[in-house]
């Protein structure tokens, strides 16, 4: 599943191609969408917005196209007449304006709804503060964490209802950089630690909005990550083998250094200090 920075980069690219443009042609896969081509023809795209891991296209008829990429979806932008990089059978929706063709491939979630419904939509309305929003409110996010004291920090960081945008990559990286045990419970963390985790995740994501390949290990030469995807390889700090384990009901992967993060028995952790400047 993509991280929040992927969606914000996608929103920039798709927005540059579509905003202010009138939809001259549209193709919709009726098997995956509950609306048709006629609902989009002639509409003008007013703006494109990312909210956490969701992409929203606002139209001039007060309707919104909502998509979630999950594990399979992607949005591509082409010049008119340019060959697509994926086969047409994978197209969920294609929108053509005078200057661009924007195609959503393999979108598992695509819905057209009234803009006013965003405030009551069961998934969108429940989103926590977006870490990449210019007005990100860390205190509001910390308050949401306080409502789930039983969760581990590894689970809480990827719960989009608490703060939206963090996925397995940033979860693993920021917990490692702050030297925090992923199985430590929210109730054992003070507000300073929760805010530090969120602010550092935000800082890492902001550094990856330039369109280049995502990196968090900016000071580690050509390496991309400190722990993510490095199971069995030596920790860059202490050289202990990096480990990976599954967390939560969704069994999402978490990478960590058992030594630097002072991980004891999985699920039975001790308190430990975090690095204030992480």
Protein backbone atom coordinates (compact mmCIF):
# COMPACT_ATOMS: atom_id res chain seq x y z
CA UNK A 1 0.00 0.00 0.00
CA UNK A 2 1.46 3.42 -0.94
CA UNK A 3 2.64 5.92 1.64
CA UNK A 4 1.14 9.38 1.97
CA UNK A 5 4.01 11.04 0.12
CA UNK A 6 3.20 8.92 -2.95
CA UNK A 7 -0.36 10.27 -2.98
CA UNK A 8 0.75 13.86 -2.54
CA UNK A 9 3.21 13.52 -5.43
CA UNK A 10 0.46 11.92 -7.50
CA UNK A 11 -1.92 14.76 -6.65
CA UNK A 12 0.64 17.31 -7.86
CA UNK A 13 1.20 15.53 -11.17
CA UNK A 14 -2.47 14.75 -11.84
CA UNK A 15 -3.47 18.24 -10.73
CA UNK A 16 -0.99 19.87 -13.11
CA UNK A 17 -2.50 17.83 -15.95
CA UNK A 18 -6.19 18.21 -15.14
CA UNK A 19 -6.92 21.31 -13.08
CA UNK A 20 -8.83 23.88 -15.08
CA UNK A 21 -9.29 21.45 -17.96
CA UNK A 22 -12.61 20.33 -19.41
CA UNK A 23 -13.09 16.59 -19.78
CA UNK A 24 -13.55 16.01 -23.53
CA UNK A 25 -13.50 12.20 -23.40
CA UNK A 26 -13.91 9.68 -20.61
CA UNK A 27 -13.68 5.92 -20.29
CA UNK A 28 -14.98 4.10 -17.22
CA UNK A 29 -14.77 0.42 -16.40
CA UNK A 30 -18.36 -0.35 -15.49
CA UNK A 31 -17.33 -3.48 -13.59
CA UNK A 32 -15.46 -1.43 -11.01
CA UNK A 33 -17.37 1.87 -10.94
CA UNK A 34 -20.99 2.68 -10.17
CA UNK A 35 -21.10 5.60 -12.59
CA UNK A 36 -20.71 5.99 -16.32
CA UNK A 37 -18.91 8.02 -18.94
CA UNK A 38 -21.82 10.44 -19.20
CA UNK A 39 -21.34 11.52 -15.60
CA UNK A 40 -17.89 12.91 -16.44
CA UNK A 41 -18.16 14.27 -19.98
CA UNK A 42 -17.98 18.04 -20.19
CA UNK A 43 -17.07 18.51 -16.54
CA UNK A 44 -14.16 20.75 -15.49
CA UNK A 45 -11.68 19.54 -12.90
CA UNK A 46 -11.37 22.31 -10.33
CA UNK A 47 -8.65 20.81 -8.14
CA UNK A 48 -6.94 17.55 -7.20
CA UNK A 49 -6.24 16.85 -3.55
CA UNK A 50 -4.56 14.13 -1.52
CA UNK A 51 -5.91 13.29 1.91
CA UNK A 52 -3.73 10.72 3.60
CA UNK A 53 -3.66 7.86 1.12
CA UNK A 54 -6.75 9.00 -0.80
CA UNK A 55 -6.90 10.99 -4.04
CA UNK A 56 -9.83 13.35 -4.65
CA UNK A 57 -10.73 15.03 -7.96
CA UNK A 58 -13.17 17.92 -7.44
CA UNK A 59 -15.47 18.63 -10.40
CA UNK A 60 -17.46 21.74 -11.32
CA UNK A 61 -20.81 20.00 -10.70
CA UNK A 62 -20.00 19.67 -6.98
CA UNK A 63 -19.15 16.02 -7.45
CA UNK A 64 -15.91 14.35 -6.38
CA UNK A 65 -14.04 11.37 -7.81
CA UNK A 66 -12.51 9.45 -4.92
CA UNK A 67 -9.86 6.76 -5.41
CA UNK A 68 -7.68 4.69 -3.11
CA UNK A 69 -4.72 2.87 -4.63
CA UNK A 70 -4.28 0.15 -1.99
CA UNK A 71 -1.76 -2.40 -3.34
CA UNK A 72 -2.61 -2.38 -7.06
CA UNK A 73 -3.71 1.06 -8.20
CA UNK A 74 -1.80 3.86 -9.91
CA UNK A 75 -2.45 7.07 -11.82
CA UNK A 76 -0.55 7.86 -15.03
CA UNK A 77 -0.38 11.06 -17.08
CA UNK A 78 0.17 11.02 -20.85
CA UNK A 79 0.26 13.48 -23.70
CA UNK A 80 -2.67 13.15 -26.14
CA UNK A 81 -1.90 10.27 -28.49
CA UNK A 82 0.99 8.94 -26.41
CA UNK A 83 0.95 5.13 -25.92
CA UNK A 84 0.00 3.93 -22.46
CA UNK A 85 2.57 2.07 -20.38
CA UNK A 86 -0.02 -0.48 -19.27
CA UNK A 87 -2.59 -2.47 -21.27
CA UNK A 88 -6.04 -0.95 -21.74
CA UNK A 89 -7.63 -3.90 -19.93
CA UNK A 90 -6.12 -2.59 -16.69
CA UNK A 91 -7.75 0.83 -17.14
CA UNK A 92 -10.33 1.71 -14.49
CA UNK A 93 -10.90 5.27 -15.66
CA UNK A 94 -9.37 7.53 -18.31
CA UNK A 95 -9.95 11.28 -18.53
CA UNK A 96 -8.92 13.30 -21.59
CA UNK A 97 -8.56 17.07 -21.84
CA UNK A 98 -6.99 19.22 -24.54
CA UNK A 99 -3.54 18.92 -22.99
CA UNK A 100 -3.42 15.54 -21.26
CA UNK A 101 -4.81 12.04 -20.79
CA UNK A 102 -4.94 10.85 -17.18
CA UNK A 103 -5.51 7.15 -16.57
CA UNK A 104 -6.23 5.32 -13.34
CA UNK A 105 -5.05 1.71 -13.63
CA UNK A 106 -6.24 -1.17 -11.44
CA UNK A 107 -7.96 1.12 -8.98
CA UNK A 108 -9.61 -1.09 -6.33
CA UNK A 109 -11.62 1.90 -5.05
CA UNK A 110 -13.22 4.43 -7.39
CA UNK A 111 -16.35 6.28 -6.39
CA UNK A 112 -18.21 9.39 -7.54
CA UNK A 113 -20.01 11.26 -4.79
CA UNK A 114 -21.46 14.64 -3.91
CA UNK A 115 -18.86 16.96 -2.40
CA UNK A 116 -21.09 17.52 0.63
CA UNK A 117 -20.92 13.79 1.39
CA UNK A 118 -17.19 13.99 2.18
CA UNK A 119 -18.02 15.15 5.69
CA UNK A 120 -20.05 12.02 6.43
CA UNK A 121 -18.25 9.42 4.32
CA UNK A 122 -17.37 6.49 6.63
CA UNK A 123 -13.75 6.28 5.48
CA UNK A 124 -12.87 9.84 4.53
CA UNK A 125 -14.56 11.57 7.45
CA UNK A 126 -12.74 9.36 9.95
CA UNK A 127 -9.25 10.24 8.70
CA UNK A 128 -6.87 11.69 11.25
CA UNK A 129 -4.79 14.82 10.57
CA UNK A 130 -2.81 14.49 7.34
CA UNK A 131 0.90 14.60 8.14
CA UNK A 132 1.64 16.37 4.87
CA UNK A 133 -1.02 19.02 5.25
CA UNK A 134 0.49 22.53 5.56
CA UNK A 135 -1.59 22.99 8.71
CA UNK A 136 -0.79 19.62 10.28
CA UNK A 137 -1.90 19.69 13.92
CA UNK A 138 0.37 17.41 15.94
CA UNK A 139 -1.54 18.08 19.15
CA UNK A 140 -4.80 16.92 17.55
CA UNK A 141 -3.10 13.75 16.34
CA UNK A 142 -1.60 13.08 19.78
CA UNK A 143 -5.09 13.42 21.28
CA UNK A 144 -6.33 10.72 18.90
CA UNK A 145 -3.48 8.44 19.95
CA UNK A 146 -4.53 8.93 23.57
CA UNK A 147 -7.92 7.41 22.72
CA UNK A 148 -6.31 4.04 21.90
CA UNK A 149 -3.92 3.40 24.81
CA UNK A 150 -3.94 -0.37 24.25
CA UNK A 151 -2.44 -0.19 20.74
CA UNK A 152 1.25 -0.70 20.15
CA UNK A 153 3.06 2.25 18.63
CA UNK A 154 3.76 0.21 15.51
CA UNK A 155 0.02 -0.33 15.00
CA UNK A 156 -0.97 3.21 15.96
CA UNK A 157 1.36 4.91 13.50
CA UNK A 158 -0.30 3.21 10.51
CA UNK A 159 -3.86 3.65 11.78
CA UNK A 160 -5.19 6.28 9.36
CA UNK A 161 -7.91 7.28 11.86
CA UNK A 162 -5.23 8.65 14.20
CA UNK A 163 -2.95 10.42 11.72
CA UNK A 164 -3.06 9.81 7.99
CA UNK A 165 -0.20 9.18 5.60
CA UNK A 166 2.19 6.79 7.37
CA UNK A 167 2.66 3.28 5.99
CA UNK A 168 5.01 0.42 6.76
CA UNK A 169 8.09 2.22 5.43
CA UNK A 170 7.86 5.38 7.51
CA UNK A 171 6.54 3.50 10.54
CA UNK A 172 9.60 1.26 10.62
CA UNK A 173 12.06 4.03 9.84
CA UNK A 174 10.84 6.61 12.34
CA UNK A 175 10.57 4.08 15.19
CA UNK A 176 14.16 3.07 14.49
CA UNK A 177 15.44 6.64 14.21
CA UNK A 178 13.80 7.50 17.54
CA UNK A 179 15.07 4.24 19.10
CA UNK A 180 11.56 3.13 20.07
CA UNK A 181 10.31 -0.44 20.50
CA UNK A 182 7.47 -1.04 17.98
CA UNK A 183 5.62 -3.15 20.58
CA UNK A 184 5.62 -0.45 23.21
CA UNK A 185 2.03 0.54 24.07
CA UNK A 186 0.65 4.00 23.41
CA UNK A 187 -0.31 4.31 27.09
CA UNK A 188 3.36 4.11 28.10
CA UNK A 189 4.43 6.95 25.81
CA UNK A 190 4.22 10.57 26.89
CA UNK A 191 3.02 13.37 24.64
CA UNK A 192 6.58 14.41 23.78
CA UNK A 193 7.38 10.99 22.38
CA UNK A 194 4.16 10.77 20.36
CA UNK A 195 4.70 14.24 18.95
CA UNK A 196 8.34 13.43 18.11
CA UNK A 197 7.32 10.30 16.19
CA UNK A 198 4.71 12.21 14.20
CA UNK A 199 6.87 15.24 13.50
CA UNK A 200 9.81 13.10 12.40
CA UNK A 201 7.58 11.03 10.13
CA UNK A 202 6.30 14.29 8.64
CA UNK A 203 9.84 15.60 8.12
CA UNK A 204 10.91 12.40 6.36
CA UNK A 205 7.87 12.46 4.10
CA UNK A 206 8.33 16.13 3.22
CA UNK A 207 11.89 15.37 2.06
CA UNK A 208 10.50 12.82 -0.37
CA UNK A 209 8.04 15.02 -2.23
CA UNK A 210 10.47 15.98 -5.00
CA UNK A 211 9.64 12.99 -7.18
CA UNK A 212 12.95 11.19 -6.76
CA UNK A 213 13.20 7.67 -5.36
CA UNK A 214 12.10 7.59 -1.74
CA UNK A 215 14.90 7.67 0.85
CA UNK A 216 15.06 8.01 4.60
CA UNK A 217 18.77 7.21 5.11
CA UNK A 218 19.94 10.52 3.67
CA UNK A 219 23.25 10.37 5.51
CA UNK A 220 24.05 6.76 4.66
CA UNK A 221 25.67 7.11 1.27
CA UNK A 222 23.70 5.42 -1.46
CA UNK A 223 21.51 3.43 0.89
CA UNK A 224 17.78 4.18 0.93
CA UNK A 225 16.60 2.91 4.32
CA UNK A 226 17.91 2.23 7.80
CA UNK A 227 15.78 -0.84 8.55
CA UNK A 228 12.90 -1.20 6.09
CA UNK A 229 13.38 -4.20 3.79
CA UNK A 230 16.75 -5.04 5.40
CA UNK A 231 15.83 -8.15 7.39
CA UNK A 232 19.00 -10.09 8.29
CA UNK A 233 21.33 -7.28 7.23
CA UNK A 234 23.47 -5.46 9.82
CA UNK A 235 22.10 -2.41 11.60
CA UNK A 236 23.90 0.71 10.40
CA UNK A 237 24.48 1.75 14.01
CA UNK A 238 25.26 -1.39 16.03
CA UNK A 239 25.62 -4.07 13.29
CA UNK A 240 23.07 -6.38 14.94
CA UNK A 241 20.88 -8.18 12.37
CA UNK A 242 17.75 -6.27 11.41
CA UNK A 243 14.59 -8.22 12.20
CA UNK A 244 11.07 -8.23 10.75
CA UNK A 245 7.84 -9.26 12.47
CA UNK A 246 4.13 -8.87 11.84
CA UNK A 247 1.96 -6.57 13.93
CA UNK A 248 -1.74 -6.18 14.54
CA UNK A 249 -4.81 -7.85 13.10
CA UNK A 250 -3.68 -6.94 9.58
CA UNK A 251 -0.28 -8.59 10.23
CA UNK A 252 1.59 -5.66 8.74
CA UNK A 253 5.37 -5.93 8.50
CA UNK A 254 7.58 -4.01 10.91
CA UNK A 255 11.37 -3.86 10.52
CA UNK A 256 13.52 -3.00 13.54
CA UNK A 257 16.87 -3.35 15.24
CA UNK A 258 16.38 -5.48 18.39
CA UNK A 259 19.41 -3.86 20.03
CA UNK A 260 19.08 -0.15 19.19
CA UNK A 261 15.33 -0.22 19.83
CA UNK A 262 15.69 -2.38 22.94
CA UNK A 263 13.07 -4.87 21.82
CA UNK A 264 12.71 -7.62 24.40
CA UNK A 265 10.09 -10.35 24.05
CA UNK A 266 7.67 -9.44 21.29
CA UNK A 267 4.51 -8.07 22.89
CA UNK A 268 6.22 -7.71 26.28
CA UNK A 269 8.36 -4.64 26.09
CA UNK A 270 10.08 -2.43 28.60
CA UNK A 271 10.13 1.32 28.62
CA UNK A 272 13.11 3.03 27.13
CA UNK A 273 14.15 6.60 26.36
CA UNK A 274 13.88 8.00 22.88
CA UNK A 275 16.31 10.33 21.20
CA UNK A 276 14.90 13.89 21.59
CA UNK A 277 16.50 14.99 18.33
CA UNK A 278 15.49 11.98 16.25
